[in-house]
N, C-alpha and C. Protein backbone atom coordinates (compact mmCIF):
# COMPACT_ATOMS: atom_id res chain seq x y z
N MET A 1 32.27 7.63 130.97
CA MET A 1 33.41 8.40 130.31
C MET A 1 33.40 8.00 128.73
N THR A 2 34.06 8.94 128.12
CA THR A 2 34.17 8.90 126.67
C THR A 2 35.57 8.73 126.29
N ASN A 3 35.85 8.15 125.24
CA ASN A 3 37.00 8.12 124.73
C ASN A 3 37.79 9.28 124.00
N GLU A 4 36.99 10.25 123.99
CA GLU A 4 37.53 11.49 123.37
C GLU A 4 38.88 11.99 123.96
N LYS A 5 39.59 12.55 123.18
CA LYS A 5 41.07 12.88 123.38
C LYS A 5 40.91 14.43 123.80
N THR A 6 41.70 14.71 124.76
CA THR A 6 41.83 16.17 125.31
C THR A 6 42.47 16.99 124.02
N THR A 7 42.43 18.36 124.03
CA THR A 7 43.11 19.24 123.00
C THR A 7 44.49 18.85 123.44
N ARG A 8 44.98 18.96 124.52
CA ARG A 8 46.33 18.66 124.82
C ARG A 8 46.94 17.26 124.01
N GLU A 9 46.27 16.26 124.22
CA GLU A 9 46.65 14.97 123.64
C GLU A 9 46.56 15.04 122.14
N LEU A 10 45.62 15.80 121.60
CA LEU A 10 45.62 15.98 119.96
C LEU A 10 46.81 16.90 119.53
N VAL A 11 47.04 18.01 120.24
CA VAL A 11 48.35 18.75 120.04
C VAL A 11 49.54 17.73 120.11
N TYR A 12 49.70 17.07 120.94
CA TYR A 12 50.86 16.22 121.27
C TYR A 12 50.97 15.04 120.05
N GLU A 13 49.90 14.54 119.85
CA GLU A 13 49.96 13.58 118.72
C GLU A 13 50.26 14.29 117.30
N THR A 14 49.64 15.62 117.13
CA THR A 14 49.77 16.27 115.89
C THR A 14 51.46 16.61 115.70
N ASN A 15 51.73 17.07 116.85
CA ASN A 15 53.26 17.53 116.86
C ASN A 15 54.22 16.36 116.38
N ARG A 16 53.95 15.10 117.26
CA ARG A 16 54.50 13.86 116.93
C ARG A 16 54.50 13.52 115.49
N ASP A 17 53.32 13.62 115.03
CA ASP A 17 53.16 13.17 113.55
C ASP A 17 53.95 14.24 112.57
N VAL A 18 53.87 15.42 112.81
CA VAL A 18 54.61 16.58 112.02
C VAL A 18 56.07 16.13 112.08
N LYS A 19 56.56 16.00 113.19
CA LYS A 19 57.99 15.72 113.27
C LYS A 19 58.31 14.37 112.54
N TRP A 20 57.65 13.24 112.63
CA TRP A 20 57.84 12.12 111.75
C TRP A 20 57.73 12.36 110.26
N ILE A 21 56.73 13.20 109.88
CA ILE A 21 56.58 13.76 108.45
C ILE A 21 57.82 14.44 108.05
N CYS A 22 58.25 15.33 108.79
CA CYS A 22 59.47 16.15 108.45
C CYS A 22 60.56 15.28 108.27
N LYS A 23 60.84 14.32 109.14
CA LYS A 23 62.26 13.34 108.87
C LYS A 23 62.08 12.54 107.92
N THR A 24 60.68 11.90 107.69
CA THR A 24 60.60 11.08 106.33
C THR A 24 60.88 11.94 105.30
N LEU A 25 60.30 13.26 105.02
CA LEU A 25 60.65 14.14 103.94
C LEU A 25 62.21 14.45 103.79
N GLN A 26 62.90 14.55 104.93
CA GLN A 26 64.13 14.74 104.84
C GLN A 26 65.06 13.55 104.18
N ARG A 27 64.66 12.36 104.58
CA ARG A 27 65.17 11.17 104.25
C ARG A 27 64.82 10.89 102.60
N MET A 28 63.60 11.31 102.34
CA MET A 28 63.26 11.24 100.88
C MET A 28 64.14 12.25 100.03
N GLU A 29 64.34 13.39 100.48
CA GLU A 29 65.02 14.37 99.74
C GLU A 29 66.38 13.91 99.56
N ALA A 30 66.99 13.42 100.79
CA ALA A 30 68.40 12.80 100.73
C ALA A 30 68.43 11.81 99.54
N GLN A 31 67.45 10.70 99.47
CA GLN A 31 67.50 9.78 98.55
C GLN A 31 67.24 10.26 97.00
N ASP A 32 66.57 11.36 97.02
CA ASP A 32 66.34 11.98 95.57
C ASP A 32 67.84 12.54 95.26
N GLU A 33 68.47 13.26 96.25
CA GLU A 33 69.71 13.99 95.88
C GLU A 33 70.74 12.79 95.35
N GLU A 34 70.64 11.61 96.11
CA GLU A 34 71.72 10.73 95.82
C GLU A 34 71.12 10.04 94.43
N PHE A 35 69.92 9.82 94.12
CA PHE A 35 69.42 9.34 92.81
C PHE A 35 69.81 10.33 91.81
N GLU A 36 69.73 11.71 91.89
CA GLU A 36 70.25 12.64 91.06
C GLU A 36 71.66 12.50 90.58
N VAL A 37 72.62 12.31 91.71
CA VAL A 37 74.00 12.13 91.50
C VAL A 37 74.21 10.95 90.63
N ARG A 38 73.45 9.93 91.03
CA ARG A 38 73.83 8.55 90.17
C ARG A 38 73.36 8.75 88.80
N LEU A 39 72.18 9.43 88.57
CA LEU A 39 71.71 9.62 87.44
C LEU A 39 72.44 10.47 86.54
N ARG A 40 73.04 11.49 87.11
CA ARG A 40 74.08 12.39 86.25
C ARG A 40 75.26 11.70 85.97
N ALA A 41 75.76 10.70 86.85
CA ALA A 41 76.99 10.13 86.58
C ALA A 41 76.71 9.04 85.45
N LEU A 42 75.52 8.45 85.49
CA LEU A 42 75.08 7.51 84.44
C LEU A 42 74.95 8.24 82.99
N GLU A 43 74.38 9.36 83.06
CA GLU A 43 74.32 10.34 81.86
C GLU A 43 75.71 10.63 81.28
N GLY A 44 76.46 10.96 82.27
CA GLY A 44 78.05 11.51 81.91
C GLY A 44 78.66 10.22 81.28
N TRP A 45 78.48 9.06 81.90
CA TRP A 45 79.15 8.01 81.25
C TRP A 45 78.54 7.35 79.95
N ARG A 46 77.31 7.55 79.72
CA ARG A 46 76.62 7.45 78.43
C ARG A 46 77.14 8.37 77.43
N ALA A 47 77.21 9.67 77.74
CA ALA A 47 77.66 10.58 76.87
C ALA A 47 79.03 10.32 76.38
N GLU A 48 80.03 9.86 77.45
CA GLU A 48 81.44 9.56 77.11
C GLU A 48 81.47 8.39 76.25
N LYS A 49 80.57 7.45 76.62
CA LYS A 49 80.62 6.27 75.59
C LYS A 49 80.26 6.45 74.30
N ALA A 50 79.34 7.39 73.97
CA ALA A 50 78.83 7.70 72.67
C ALA A 50 79.83 8.69 72.06
N GLY A 51 80.50 9.30 72.70
CA GLY A 51 81.75 10.09 72.27
C GLY A 51 82.89 9.01 71.69
N GLU A 52 83.25 8.09 72.68
CA GLU A 52 84.06 6.93 72.14
C GLU A 52 83.68 6.20 70.86
N GLU A 53 82.36 5.91 70.83
CA GLU A 53 81.84 5.13 69.66
C GLU A 53 81.83 6.12 68.38
N LYS A 54 81.71 7.42 68.64
CA LYS A 54 81.71 8.27 67.17
C LYS A 54 83.29 8.37 66.89
N ARG A 55 84.26 8.62 67.87
CA ARG A 55 85.62 8.87 67.68
C ARG A 55 86.10 7.53 66.90
N ILE A 56 85.63 6.31 67.47
CA ILE A 56 86.26 5.13 66.67
C ILE A 56 85.53 4.95 65.35
N SER A 57 84.42 5.41 65.16
CA SER A 57 83.83 5.43 63.86
C SER A 57 84.50 6.46 62.95
N THR A 58 84.76 7.62 63.46
CA THR A 58 85.54 8.70 62.57
C THR A 58 87.07 8.12 62.39
N ILE A 59 87.69 7.37 63.24
CA ILE A 59 88.83 6.87 62.98
C ILE A 59 88.75 5.79 62.02
N SER A 60 87.82 4.88 61.96
CA SER A 60 87.64 3.92 61.11
C SER A 60 87.32 4.51 59.59
N ALA A 61 86.60 5.35 59.50
CA ALA A 61 86.41 6.19 58.20
C ALA A 61 87.52 6.78 57.73
N GLY A 62 88.38 7.46 58.59
CA GLY A 62 89.60 7.87 58.18
C GLY A 62 90.77 7.01 57.59
N ALA A 63 90.71 5.91 58.39
CA ALA A 63 91.70 4.85 58.07
C ALA A 63 91.08 4.25 56.68
N GLY A 64 89.99 3.94 56.53
CA GLY A 64 89.30 3.58 55.27
C GLY A 64 89.69 4.43 53.93
N GLY A 65 89.63 5.60 54.38
CA GLY A 65 89.92 6.53 53.07
C GLY A 65 91.26 6.67 52.95
N ILE A 66 92.24 6.34 53.70
CA ILE A 66 93.74 6.40 53.69
C ILE A 66 94.11 5.17 52.90
N VAL A 67 93.49 3.90 53.36
CA VAL A 67 93.70 2.52 52.75
C VAL A 67 93.17 2.78 51.47
N GLY A 68 92.07 3.30 51.07
CA GLY A 68 91.57 3.46 49.55
C GLY A 68 92.48 4.16 48.79
N GLY A 69 92.92 5.40 49.40
CA GLY A 69 93.90 6.19 48.60
C GLY A 69 95.22 5.52 48.29
N VAL A 70 95.66 4.72 49.13
CA VAL A 70 96.94 4.09 49.06
C VAL A 70 96.67 2.79 47.85
N VAL A 71 95.69 2.18 47.90
CA VAL A 71 95.28 1.22 46.99
C VAL A 71 95.16 1.89 45.55
N ALA A 72 94.59 3.04 45.34
CA ALA A 72 94.44 3.66 44.34
C ALA A 72 95.84 4.12 43.61
N VAL A 73 96.77 4.50 44.57
CA VAL A 73 98.24 4.86 44.04
C VAL A 73 98.78 3.68 43.66
N ILE A 74 98.70 2.70 44.29
CA ILE A 74 99.35 1.20 43.79
C ILE A 74 98.66 0.91 42.68
N VAL A 75 97.50 0.86 42.48
CA VAL A 75 97.00 0.53 41.03
C VAL A 75 97.37 1.29 39.87
N LYS A 76 97.54 2.79 40.19
CA LYS A 76 98.03 3.59 39.11
C LYS A 76 99.52 3.28 38.79
N VAL A 77 100.31 2.97 39.85
CA VAL A 77 101.56 3.01 39.75
C VAL A 77 101.78 1.54 38.89
N LEU A 78 101.17 0.48 39.23
CA LEU A 78 101.28 -0.74 38.58
C LEU A 78 100.67 -0.73 37.24
N GLY A 79 99.70 0.23 37.00
CA GLY A 79 99.03 0.21 35.61
C GLY A 79 98.00 -0.95 35.42
N VAL A 80 97.64 -1.29 36.62
CA VAL A 80 96.36 -2.19 36.67
C VAL A 80 95.09 -1.56 36.54
N GLY A 81 94.18 -2.20 35.80
CA GLY A 81 93.00 -1.60 35.68
C GLY A 81 92.74 -0.75 34.32
């Protein structure tokens, strides 16, 4: 007797393998979707953080301009310089 598999056994194994592959692909797709959600959240957080840094920089520049203007007025009023 030979160890060759019958057509029925080959079809059964192939069917089982295809089901395993499909389940594995579904799990991988679910992980990819979860990864995409986490990546989008991280990108949003980073954009928000960059916006805050820009806003703080703008506020600092505005405050510096105001302080400079006040100093100029005080120097002019006092007649120093």
